[in-house]
C-alpha cells in the first residue's frame, strides 16, 4: 500500500527504522509479554523487526505503526505512538525527529 503523501512516507520510514533497530525511541513490553519464556520473547521481537505484511486493514494510514502477529493461541500486537521529547504530551509532528520520541508497546491481544 503506497503512502498517502510525503509526510506519511517520512513517518512510515522513521517507524520502520525504529521498529527494526530501536533507534529514535523506547520499547515497552506489557507484563504478559515479560512473563513469556525468553525464547518466545526473542522470537516475537525478531518477527516484529522483520514484519512487512502491512495492509489496508492493519495499516489504514500507511504509517507502519501497528500490526498483530500470532503467538501460540493468541495474538501479539505492536503499536507505535508519538510523544514530544520530554514525553509529557503527544508530538505535534511525528515526521520531525527533533520533536518526536517514538514509543512502541508490545502486548498480547487481551491487554489491548
Protein backbone atom coordinates (compact mmCIF):
# COMPACT_ATOMS: atom_id res chain seq x y z
CA UNK A 1 0.00 0.00 0.00
CA UNK A 2 1.62 3.28 -1.05
CA UNK A 3 1.81 6.14 1.47
CA UNK A 4 -0.72 8.93 1.07
CA UNK A 5 1.76 11.81 0.95
CA UNK A 6 5.37 12.82 1.58
CA UNK A 7 4.82 13.39 5.32
CA UNK A 8 3.23 9.96 5.69
CA UNK A 9 6.16 8.43 3.78
CA UNK A 10 8.62 10.06 6.20
CA UNK A 11 6.66 8.83 9.25
CA UNK A 12 6.48 5.36 7.71
CA UNK A 13 10.24 5.28 7.07
CA UNK A 14 11.02 6.51 10.60
CA UNK A 15 8.67 3.88 12.06
CA UNK A 16 10.31 1.13 10.01
CA UNK A 17 13.79 2.20 11.16
CA UNK A 18 12.63 2.40 14.77
CA UNK A 19 10.84 -0.95 14.64
CA UNK A 20 13.87 -2.67 13.12
CA UNK A 21 16.60 -1.03 15.23
CA UNK A 22 15.05 0.68 18.26
CA UNK A 23 16.74 3.93 17.19
CA UNK A 24 14.76 7.07 17.94
CA UNK A 25 12.52 5.79 20.68
CA UNK A 26 11.67 3.47 23.51
CA UNK A 27 10.25 -0.04 23.51
CA UNK A 28 7.95 -1.28 26.25
CA UNK A 29 6.61 -4.75 26.95
CA UNK A 30 3.47 -5.36 28.95
CA UNK A 31 3.64 -7.74 31.93
CA UNK A 32 2.16 -10.56 29.82
CA UNK A 33 4.94 -10.24 27.25
CA UNK A 34 7.55 -10.07 30.03
CA UNK A 35 6.09 -13.27 31.52
CA UNK A 36 6.64 -15.24 28.31
CA UNK A 37 9.66 -17.55 28.18
CA UNK A 38 12.69 -15.67 26.89
CA UNK A 39 12.78 -17.81 23.74
CA UNK A 40 9.24 -16.68 22.84
CA UNK A 41 10.16 -13.05 23.54
CA UNK A 42 13.21 -13.28 21.28
CA UNK A 43 11.16 -14.91 18.51
CA UNK A 44 8.39 -12.30 18.83
CA UNK A 45 10.76 -9.33 18.65
CA UNK A 46 12.57 -10.89 15.71
CA UNK A 47 9.25 -11.17 13.88
CA UNK A 48 8.34 -7.58 14.78
CA UNK A 49 11.66 -6.33 13.38
CA UNK A 50 11.12 -8.15 10.09
CA UNK A 51 7.34 -7.66 9.80
CA UNK A 52 6.36 -6.29 6.39
CA UNK A 53 2.82 -7.56 5.83
CA UNK A 54 1.10 -4.20 6.23
CA UNK A 55 -2.33 -3.99 4.65
CA UNK A 56 -5.18 -1.50 4.50
CA UNK A 57 -6.81 -3.45 7.36
CA UNK A 58 -3.86 -3.26 9.77
CA UNK A 59 -2.27 -0.03 8.48
CA UNK A 60 -5.07 2.28 7.26
CA UNK A 61 -2.92 5.43 7.48
CA UNK A 62 0.16 3.90 5.83
CA UNK A 63 2.45 4.71 8.77
CA UNK A 64 3.51 1.14 9.70
CA UNK A 65 2.63 1.89 13.32
CA UNK A 66 0.52 -1.15 14.27
CA UNK A 67 0.19 -4.84 13.49
CA UNK A 68 -0.65 -8.17 15.06
CA UNK A 69 1.30 -11.39 14.99
CA UNK A 70 0.28 -14.87 16.14
CA UNK A 71 1.92 -16.11 19.31
CA UNK A 72 0.68 -19.51 20.40
CA UNK A 73 -3.11 -19.45 20.66
CA UNK A 74 -3.19 -15.68 20.97
CA UNK A 75 -2.13 -12.59 19.06
CA UNK A 76 0.57 -10.13 19.99
CA UNK A 77 0.25 -6.50 18.95
CA UNK A 78 2.82 -3.81 18.48
CA UNK A 79 1.75 -0.18 18.49
CA UNK A 80 3.95 2.86 17.88
CA UNK A 81 2.87 6.15 19.44
CA UNK A 82 4.44 9.58 19.04
CA UNK A 83 5.41 11.75 22.02
CA UNK A 84 7.18 15.06 22.39
CA UNK A 85 10.82 14.91 23.51
CA UNK A 86 10.08 15.18 27.24
CA UNK A 87 7.31 12.58 26.94
CA UNK A 88 4.75 14.93 28.52
CA UNK A 89 2.34 15.03 25.54
CA UNK A 90 1.87 13.81 22.02
CA UNK A 91 4.20 15.00 19.29
CA UNK A 92 2.83 17.80 17.14
CA UNK A 93 4.71 16.44 14.10
CA UNK A 94 5.69 12.74 14.11
CA UNK A 95 7.68 13.28 10.91
CA UNK A 96 10.10 15.60 12.77
CA UNK A 97 12.70 13.64 14.73
CA UNK A 98 13.78 16.78 16.59
CA UNK A 99 10.43 16.96 18.36
CA UNK A 100 9.34 13.31 18.46
CA UNK A 101 10.12 10.29 20.61
CA UNK A 102 8.63 7.08 19.29
CA UNK A 103 7.26 4.58 21.81
CA UNK A 104 6.49 1.05 20.76
CA UNK A 105 4.37 -1.03 23.10
CA UNK A 106 4.27 -4.80 22.59
CA UNK A 107 1.31 -6.56 24.19
CA UNK A 108 -0.92 -9.59 23.99
CA UNK A 109 -4.33 -9.06 22.43
CA UNK A 110 -6.21 -9.44 25.72
CA UNK A 111 -4.27 -6.41 27.06
CA UNK A 112 -5.31 -4.05 24.26
